[in-house]
Amino acid sequence: MARYTGPVCRLCRREGIKLYLKGERCYSEKCGVDKRPFPPGQHGQGRKRSSEYGSQLREKQKARRFYGVLEKQFEHYYEEAAKHRGVTGENLLQILESRLDNVAHRLGFGASRAEARQIVRHGHLTVNGKRVDIPSFMVKVGDVIAVREKSQGLARMKELIELSASKTIPQWLELDAEKATAKVVRKPAREEIDTPVAEQMIVEYYSR
């Protein structure tokens, strides 16, 4: 399955909530969910009926789209989460949060995960001093993420670095906005992850 390249506001409308896929636009009056709070398509405003399976599927799709992950990738993350000790649903969210593109977004190095993913792909970030251009790269506790010195002079990166200084950063990350560097101090706790999904329903979906 190729990556979705259509209008992302349709994805938010399909899930019935804001997935914040377009960054600043999602907070404005132009937000598609605010303007048309019903699913896309000619039957979007019709009667809604959902089975238990349908509800579980929607939670899985919601999480997948929130993080911008492909179906096979998401399934792989679930299998990995199931092997770890602890609660599988929370393990899954911790794995998704550990993706470099998500960490970059959490730090403010991207107004949306899509922009953060592009910044990673273009090689603007380093992990422990080494350039990394793989959005799915998994950061670990103790890793240091930084904007490359050459990239700090770019107009958009300058803007993002300045904005990151006033952004609320999750407590599991430590940011030095002046140096455009950050450190992963620990794994995120469930209450620190604002992903709008019921992860237990995802577990039930894959446990069928």
C-alpha atoms as a PDB file:
ATOM      1  CA  MET A   1       0.000   0.000   0.000  1.00  0.00           C
ATOM      2  CA  ALA A   2       1.427   3.387  -1.031  1.00  0.00           C
ATOM      3  CA  ARG A   3       1.370   6.416   1.237  1.00  0.00           C
ATOM      4  CA  TYR A   4      -1.863   8.427   1.102  1.00  0.00           C
ATOM      5  CA  THR A   5      -1.404  11.592  -0.975  1.00  0.00           C
ATOM      6  CA  GLY A   6      -4.980  12.888  -1.090  1.00  0.00           C
ATOM      7  CA  PRO A   7      -6.520  15.736   0.956  1.00  0.00           C
ATOM      8  CA  VAL A   8      -5.696  14.954   4.586  1.00  0.00           C
ATOM      9  CA  CYS A   9      -8.711  16.831   5.938  1.00  0.00           C
ATOM     10  CA  ARG A  10     -10.805  13.942   4.600  1.00  0.00           C
ATOM     11  CA  LEU A  11      -8.979  11.614   6.991  1.00  0.00           C
ATOM     12  CA  CYS A  12      -9.868  13.780   9.993  1.00  0.00           C
ATOM     13  CA  ARG A  13     -13.480  14.007   8.857  1.00  0.00           C
ATOM     14  CA  ARG A  14     -13.630  10.228   8.369  1.00  0.00           C
ATOM     15  CA  GLU A  15     -12.457   9.653  11.946  1.00  0.00           C
ATOM     16  CA  GLY A  16     -14.688  12.426  13.300  1.00  0.00           C
ATOM     17  CA  ILE A  17     -11.893  14.198  15.217  1.00  0.00           C
ATOM     18  CA  LYS A  18      -8.928  16.454  14.549  1.00  0.00           C
ATOM     19  CA  LEU A  19      -5.797  14.446  13.850  1.00  0.00           C
ATOM     20  CA  TYR A  20      -3.758  17.654  13.408  1.00  0.00           C
ATOM     21  CA  LEU A  21      -2.378  16.547  10.062  1.00  0.00           C
ATOM     22  CA  LYS A  22      -2.036  20.068   8.630  1.00  0.00           C
ATOM     23  CA  GLY A  23      -0.381  21.831  11.552  1.00  0.00           C
ATOM     24  CA  GLU A  24      -1.467  25.444  12.037  1.00  0.00           C
ATOM     25  CA  ARG A  25      -4.476  25.102   9.711  1.00  0.00           C
ATOM     26  CA  CYS A  26      -6.035  22.645  12.180  1.00  0.00           C
ATOM     27  CA  TYR A  27      -6.232  25.409  14.795  1.00  0.00           C
ATOM     28  CA  SER A  28      -7.829  27.929  12.403  1.00  0.00           C
ATOM     29  CA  GLU A  29     -11.365  28.444  11.139  1.00  0.00           C
ATOM     30  CA  LYS A  30     -10.327  26.701   7.910  1.00  0.00           C
ATOM     31  CA  CYS A  31     -10.202  23.312   9.653  1.00  0.00           C
ATOM     32  CA  GLY A  32     -12.225  20.782   7.653  1.00  0.00           C
ATOM     33  CA  VAL A  33     -13.641  19.068  10.762  1.00  0.00           C
ATOM     34  CA  ASP A  34     -15.012  22.383  12.072  1.00  0.00           C
ATOM     35  CA  LYS A  35     -16.465  23.404   8.710  1.00  0.00           C
ATOM     36  CA  ARG A  36     -17.966  19.992   7.844  1.00  0.00           C
ATOM     37  CA  PRO A  37     -18.246  17.799  10.969  1.00  0.00           C
ATOM     38  CA  PHE A  38     -19.396  14.682   9.132  1.00  0.00           C
ATOM     39  CA  PRO A  39     -17.653  11.923   7.114  1.00  0.00           C
ATOM     40  CA  PRO A  40     -16.742  12.707   3.488  1.00  0.00           C
ATOM     41  CA  GLY A  41     -18.658  11.275   0.547  1.00  0.00           C
ATOM     42  CA  GLN A  42     -22.284  11.380  -0.593  1.00  0.00           C
ATOM     43  CA  HIS A  43     -23.401   9.182   2.317  1.00  0.00           C
ATOM     44  CA  GLY A  44     -21.397  11.072   4.941  1.00  0.00           C
ATOM     45  CA  GLN A  45     -24.469  12.609   6.561  1.00  0.00           C
ATOM     46  CA  GLY A  46     -26.473   9.388   6.504  1.00  0.00           C
ATOM     47  CA  ARG A  47     -27.393   7.184   9.431  1.00  0.00           C
ATOM     48  CA  LYS A  48     -24.426   5.844  11.356  1.00  0.00           C
ATOM     49  CA  ARG A  49     -24.264   2.184  12.320  1.00  0.00           C
ATOM     50  CA  SER A  50     -21.179   0.592  13.766  1.00  0.00           C
ATOM     51  CA  SER A  51     -20.401  -2.905  14.997  1.00  0.00           C
ATOM     52  CA  GLU A  52     -17.846  -3.819  17.655  1.00  0.00           C
ATOM     53  CA  TYR A  53     -15.411  -4.736  14.902  1.00  0.00           C
ATOM     54  CA  GLY A  54     -16.108  -1.447  13.140  1.00  0.00           C
ATOM     55  CA  SER A  55     -15.318   0.531  16.294  1.00  0.00           C
ATOM     56  CA  GLN A  56     -12.062  -1.375  16.790  1.00  0.00           C
ATOM     57  CA  LEU A  57     -11.098  -0.774  13.167  1.00  0.00           C
ATOM     58  CA  ARG A  58     -11.762   2.950  13.496  1.00  0.00           C
ATOM     59  CA  GLU A  59      -9.465   3.183  16.545  1.00  0.00           C
ATOM     60  CA  LYS A  60      -6.703   1.384  14.661  1.00  0.00           C
ATOM     61  CA  GLN A  61      -7.117   3.630  11.620  1.00  0.00           C
ATOM     62  CA  LYS A  62      -7.227   6.709  13.829  1.00  0.00           C
ATOM     63  CA  ALA A  63      -3.902   5.860  15.484  1.00  0.00           C
ATOM     64  CA  ARG A  64      -2.295   4.896  12.172  1.00  0.00           C
ATOM     65  CA  ARG A  65      -3.320   8.139  10.522  1.00  0.00           C
ATOM     66  CA  PHE A  66      -2.399  10.242  13.559  1.00  0.00           C
ATOM     67  CA  TYR A  67       1.222   9.068  13.289  1.00  0.00           C
ATOM     68  CA  GLY A  68       1.266   8.771   9.489  1.00  0.00           C
ATOM     69  CA  VAL A  69       2.181   5.082   9.518  1.00  0.00           C
ATOM     70  CA  LEU A  70       1.492   2.552   6.768  1.00  0.00           C
ATOM     71  CA  GLU A  71      -0.611  -0.560   7.445  1.00  0.00           C
ATOM     72  CA  LYS A  72       2.283  -3.058   7.415  1.00  0.00           C
ATOM     73  CA  GLN A  73       4.404  -0.763   9.589  1.00  0.00           C
ATOM     74  CA  PHE A  74       1.606  -0.428  12.117  1.00  0.00           C
ATOM     75  CA  GLU A  75       1.078  -4.177  12.254  1.00  0.00           C
ATOM     76  CA  HIS A  76       4.817  -4.663  12.806  1.00  0.00           C
ATOM     77  CA  TYR A  77       4.774  -2.153  15.680  1.00  0.00           C
ATOM     78  CA  TYR A  78       1.864  -4.014  17.272  1.00  0.00           C
ATOM     79  CA  GLU A  79       3.707  -7.344  17.040  1.00  0.00           C
ATOM     80  CA  GLU A  80       6.750  -5.733  18.640  1.00  0.00           C
ATOM     81  CA  ALA A  81       4.616  -4.192  21.412  1.00  0.00           C
ATOM     82  CA  ALA A  82       3.006  -7.572  22.155  1.00  0.00           C
ATOM     83  CA  LYS A  83       6.451  -9.116  22.773  1.00  0.00           C
ATOM     84  CA  HIS A  84       7.419  -6.546  25.416  1.00  0.00           C
ATOM     85  CA  ARG A  85       6.522  -6.713  29.083  1.00  0.00           C
ATOM     86  CA  GLY A  86       3.710  -4.505  30.312  1.00  0.00           C
ATOM     87  CA  VAL A  87       0.449  -3.384  28.739  1.00  0.00           C
ATOM     88  CA  THR A  88       0.481  -4.024  24.997  1.00  0.00           C
ATOM     89  CA  GLY A  89      -1.561  -0.935  24.110  1.00  0.00           C
ATOM     90  CA  GLU A  90       0.725   1.380  26.073  1.00  0.00           C
ATOM     91  CA  ASN A  91       3.790  -0.338  24.622  1.00  0.00           C
ATOM     92  CA  LEU A  92       2.408   0.335  21.136  1.00  0.00           C
ATOM     93  CA  LEU A  93       1.950   4.038  21.805  1.00  0.00           C
ATOM     94  CA  GLN A  94       5.453   4.298  23.289  1.00  0.00           C
ATOM     95  CA  ILE A  95       6.896   2.720  20.145  1.00  0.00           C
ATOM     96  CA  LEU A  96       4.970   5.126  17.911  1.00  0.00           C
ATOM     97  CA  GLU A  97       6.078   8.080  20.039  1.00  0.00           C
ATOM     98  CA  SER A  98       9.708   6.962  19.663  1.00  0.00           C
ATOM     99  CA  ARG A  99       9.739   7.454  15.887  1.00  0.00           C
ATOM    100  CA  LEU A 100      12.148  10.239  14.943  1.00  0.00           C
ATOM    101  CA  ASP A 101       9.549  12.139  12.911  1.00  0.00           C
ATOM    102  CA  ASN A 102       7.183  12.151  15.903  1.00  0.00           C
ATOM    103  CA  VAL A 103       9.936  13.253  18.303  1.00  0.00           C
ATOM    104  CA  ALA A 104      10.879  16.056  15.888  1.00  0.00           C
ATOM    105  CA  HIS A 105       7.242  17.184  15.844  1.00  0.00           C
ATOM    106  CA  ARG A 106       6.978  17.013  19.643  1.00  0.00           C
ATOM    107  CA  LEU A 107      10.070  19.232  19.869  1.00  0.00           C
ATOM    108  CA  GLY A 108       8.580  21.785  17.478  1.00  0.00           C
ATOM    109  CA  PHE A 109      10.834  20.929  14.533  1.00  0.00           C
ATOM    110  CA  GLY A 110       7.778  20.688  12.294  1.00  0.00           C
ATOM    111  CA  ALA A 111       4.310  22.246  12.549  1.00  0.00           C
ATOM    112  CA  SER A 112       2.820  18.844  11.713  1.00  0.00           C
ATOM    113  CA  ARG A 113       4.128  15.294  11.625  1.00  0.00           C
ATOM    114  CA  ALA A 114       4.135  15.493   7.839  1.00  0.00           C
ATOM    115  CA  GLU A 115       6.453  18.511   7.911  1.00  0.00           C
ATOM    116  CA  ALA A 116       8.624  16.898  10.598  1.00  0.00           C
ATOM    117  CA  ARG A 117       8.833  13.769   8.419  1.00  0.00           C
ATOM    118  CA  GLN A 118       9.982  15.879   5.474  1.00  0.00           C
ATOM    119  CA  ILE A 119      12.595  17.621   7.616  1.00  0.00           C
ATOM    120  CA  VAL A 120      13.977  14.244   8.697  1.00  0.00           C
ATOM    121  CA  ARG A 121      13.974  12.921   5.130  1.00  0.00           C
ATOM    122  CA  HIS A 122      15.931  15.946   3.925  1.00  0.00           C
ATOM    123  CA  GLY A 123      18.633  15.179   6.472  1.00  0.00           C
ATOM    124  CA  HIS A 124      18.264  18.283   8.642  1.00  0.00           C
ATOM    125  CA  LEU A 125      18.510  16.331  11.928  1.00  0.00           C
ATOM    126  CA  THR A 126      21.198  14.316  13.671  1.00  0.00           C
ATOM    127  CA  VAL A 127      20.958  11.677  16.384  1.00  0.00           C
ATOM    128  CA  ASN A 128      23.995  11.420  18.642  1.00  0.00           C
ATOM    129  CA  GLY A 129      25.962  13.494  16.137  1.00  0.00           C
ATOM    130  CA  LYS A 130      25.137  11.323  13.119  1.00  0.00           C
ATOM    131  CA  ARG A 131      22.871  12.480  10.312  1.00  0.00           C
ATOM    132  CA  VAL A 132      19.660  10.437  10.157  1.00  0.00           C
ATOM    133  CA  ASP A 133      17.189  10.732   7.271  1.00  0.00           C
ATOM    134  CA  ILE A 134      14.848   7.847   8.180  1.00  0.00           C
ATOM    135  CA  PRO A 135      11.543   9.075   9.712  1.00  0.00           C
ATOM    136  CA  SER A 136      10.857   5.664  11.301  1.00  0.00           C
ATOM    137  CA  PHE A 137      14.231   5.649  13.096  1.00  0.00           C
ATOM    138  CA  MET A 138      13.614   4.690  16.737  1.00  0.00           C
ATOM    139  CA  VAL A 139      15.180   6.968  19.337  1.00  0.00           C
ATOM    140  CA  LYS A 140      16.186   5.544  22.714  1.00  0.00           C
ATOM    141  CA  VAL A 141      16.565   6.962  26.207  1.00  0.00           C
ATOM    142  CA  GLY A 142      19.737   9.046  26.298  1.00  0.00           C
ATOM    143  CA  ASP A 143      19.751   9.877  22.572  1.00  0.00           C
ATOM    144  CA  VAL A 144      20.520  13.478  21.620  1.00  0.00           C
ATOM    145  CA  ILE A 145      18.599  14.947  18.673  1.00  0.00           C
ATOM    146  CA  ALA A 146      19.854  18.134  17.040  1.00  0.00           C
ATOM    147  CA  VAL A 147      19.281  20.340  14.011  1.00  0.00           C
ATOM    148  CA  ARG A 148      22.370  20.229  11.790  1.00  0.00           C
ATOM    149  CA  GLU A 149      24.472  23.368  11.967  1.00  0.00           C
ATOM    150  CA  LYS A 150      24.145  23.936   8.200  1.00  0.00           C
ATOM    151  CA  SER A 151      20.364  23.561   8.412  1.00  0.00           C
ATOM    152  CA  GLN A 152      19.974  26.094  11.236  1.00  0.00           C
ATOM    153  CA  GLY A 153      20.547  28.903   8.738  1.00  0.00           C
ATOM    154  CA  LEU A 154      17.540  27.952   6.589  1.00  0.00           C
ATOM    155  CA  ALA A 155      14.611  30.364   6.895  1.00  0.00           C
ATOM    156  CA  ARG A 156      11.998  27.722   7.786  1.00  0.00           C
ATOM    157  CA  MET A 157      14.282  25.962  10.267  1.00  0.00           C
ATOM    158  CA  LYS A 158      15.080  29.291  11.930  1.00  0.00           C
ATOM    159  CA  GLU A 159      11.346  29.952  12.290  1.00  0.00           C
ATOM    160  CA  LEU A 160      10.679  26.497  13.738  1.00  0.00           C
ATOM    161  CA  ILE A 161      13.585  26.725  16.199  1.00  0.00           C
ATOM    162  CA  GLU A 162      12.317  30.096  17.433  1.00  0.00           C
ATOM    163  CA  LEU A 163       8.782  28.726  17.815  1.00  0.00           C
ATOM    164  CA  SER A 164      10.043  25.648  19.677  1.00  0.00           C
ATOM    165  CA  ALA A 165      11.266  27.899  22.497  1.00  0.00           C
ATOM    166  CA  SER A 166       7.649  28.766  23.378  1.00  0.00           C
ATOM    167  CA  LYS A 167       6.201  25.318  22.646  1.00  0.00           C
ATOM    168  CA  THR A 168       5.100  23.018  25.472  1.00  0.00           C
ATOM    169  CA  ILE A 169       7.518  20.104  25.308  1.00  0.00           C
ATOM    170  CA  PRO A 170       6.608  16.698  26.806  1.00  0.00           C
ATOM    171  CA  GLN A 171       8.448  15.996  30.048  1.00  0.00           C
ATOM    172  CA  TRP A 172      10.091  12.886  28.626  1.00  0.00           C
ATOM    173  CA  LEU A 173      12.033  15.183  26.295  1.00  0.00           C
ATOM    174  CA  GLU A 174      14.524  17.899  27.240  1.00  0.00           C
ATOM    175  CA  LEU A 175      14.968  20.785  24.785  1.00  0.00           C
ATOM    176  CA  ASP A 176      17.690  23.436  24.528  1.00  0.00           C
ATOM    177  CA  ALA A 177      16.086  25.797  22.001  1.00  0.00           C
ATOM    178  CA  GLU A 178      19.128  28.091  21.828  1.00  0.00           C
ATOM    179  CA  LYS A 179      21.364  25.245  20.684  1.00  0.00           C
ATOM    180  CA  ALA A 180      18.538  23.490  18.770  1.00  0.00           C
ATOM    181  CA  THR A 181      19.296  20.246  20.571  1.00  0.00           C
ATOM    182  CA  ALA A 182      17.185  17.885  22.667  1.00  0.00           C
ATOM    183  CA  LYS A 183      17.595  14.737  24.700  1.00  0.00           C
ATOM    184  CA  VAL A 184      15.313  11.771  25.357  1.00  0.00           C
ATOM    185  CA  VAL A 185      15.367  11.557  29.164  1.00  0.00           C
ATOM    186  CA  ARG A 186      12.936   8.631  29.571  1.00  0.00           C
ATOM    187  CA  LYS A 187      10.114   6.722  27.934  1.00  0.00           C
ATOM    188  CA  PRO A 188       6.781   8.584  27.794  1.00  0.00           C
ATOM    189  CA  ALA A 189       4.105   7.648  30.340  1.00  0.00           C
ATOM    190  CA  ARG A 190       0.595   6.984  29.002  1.00  0.00           C
ATOM    191  CA  GLU A 191      -0.799  10.160  30.568  1.00  0.00           C
ATOM    192  CA  GLU A 192       1.807  12.184  28.655  1.00  0.00           C
ATOM    193  CA  ILE A 193       0.683  10.847  25.273  1.00  0.00           C
ATOM    194  CA  ASP A 194      -2.174  12.891  23.834  1.00  0.00           C
ATOM    195  CA  THR A 195      -3.016  10.467  21.034  1.00  0.00           C
ATOM    196  CA  PRO A 196      -6.855  10.509  20.840  1.00  0.00           C
ATOM    197  CA  VAL A 197      -7.324   6.733  20.702  1.00  0.00           C
ATOM    198  CA  ALA A 198      -8.524   3.912  22.929  1.00  0.00           C
ATOM    199  CA  GLU A 199      -5.489   1.657  22.560  1.00  0.00           C
ATOM    200  CA  GLN A 200      -7.207  -1.322  24.195  1.00  0.00           C
ATOM    201  CA  MET A 201      -9.605  -1.462  21.247  1.00  0.00           C
ATOM    202  CA  ILE A 202      -6.609  -1.710  18.923  1.00  0.00           C
ATOM    203  CA  VAL A 203      -5.350  -4.670  20.949  1.00  0.00           C
ATOM    204  CA  GLU A 204      -8.786  -6.280  20.675  1.00  0.00           C
ATOM    205  CA  TYR A 205      -8.761  -5.674  16.903  1.00  0.00           C
ATOM    206  CA  TYR A 206      -5.503  -7.587  16.452  1.00  0.00           C
ATOM    207  CA  SER A 207      -6.534 -10.269  18.974  1.00  0.00           C
ATOM    208  CA  ARG A 208      -9.543 -11.397  16.956  1.00  0.00           C
END
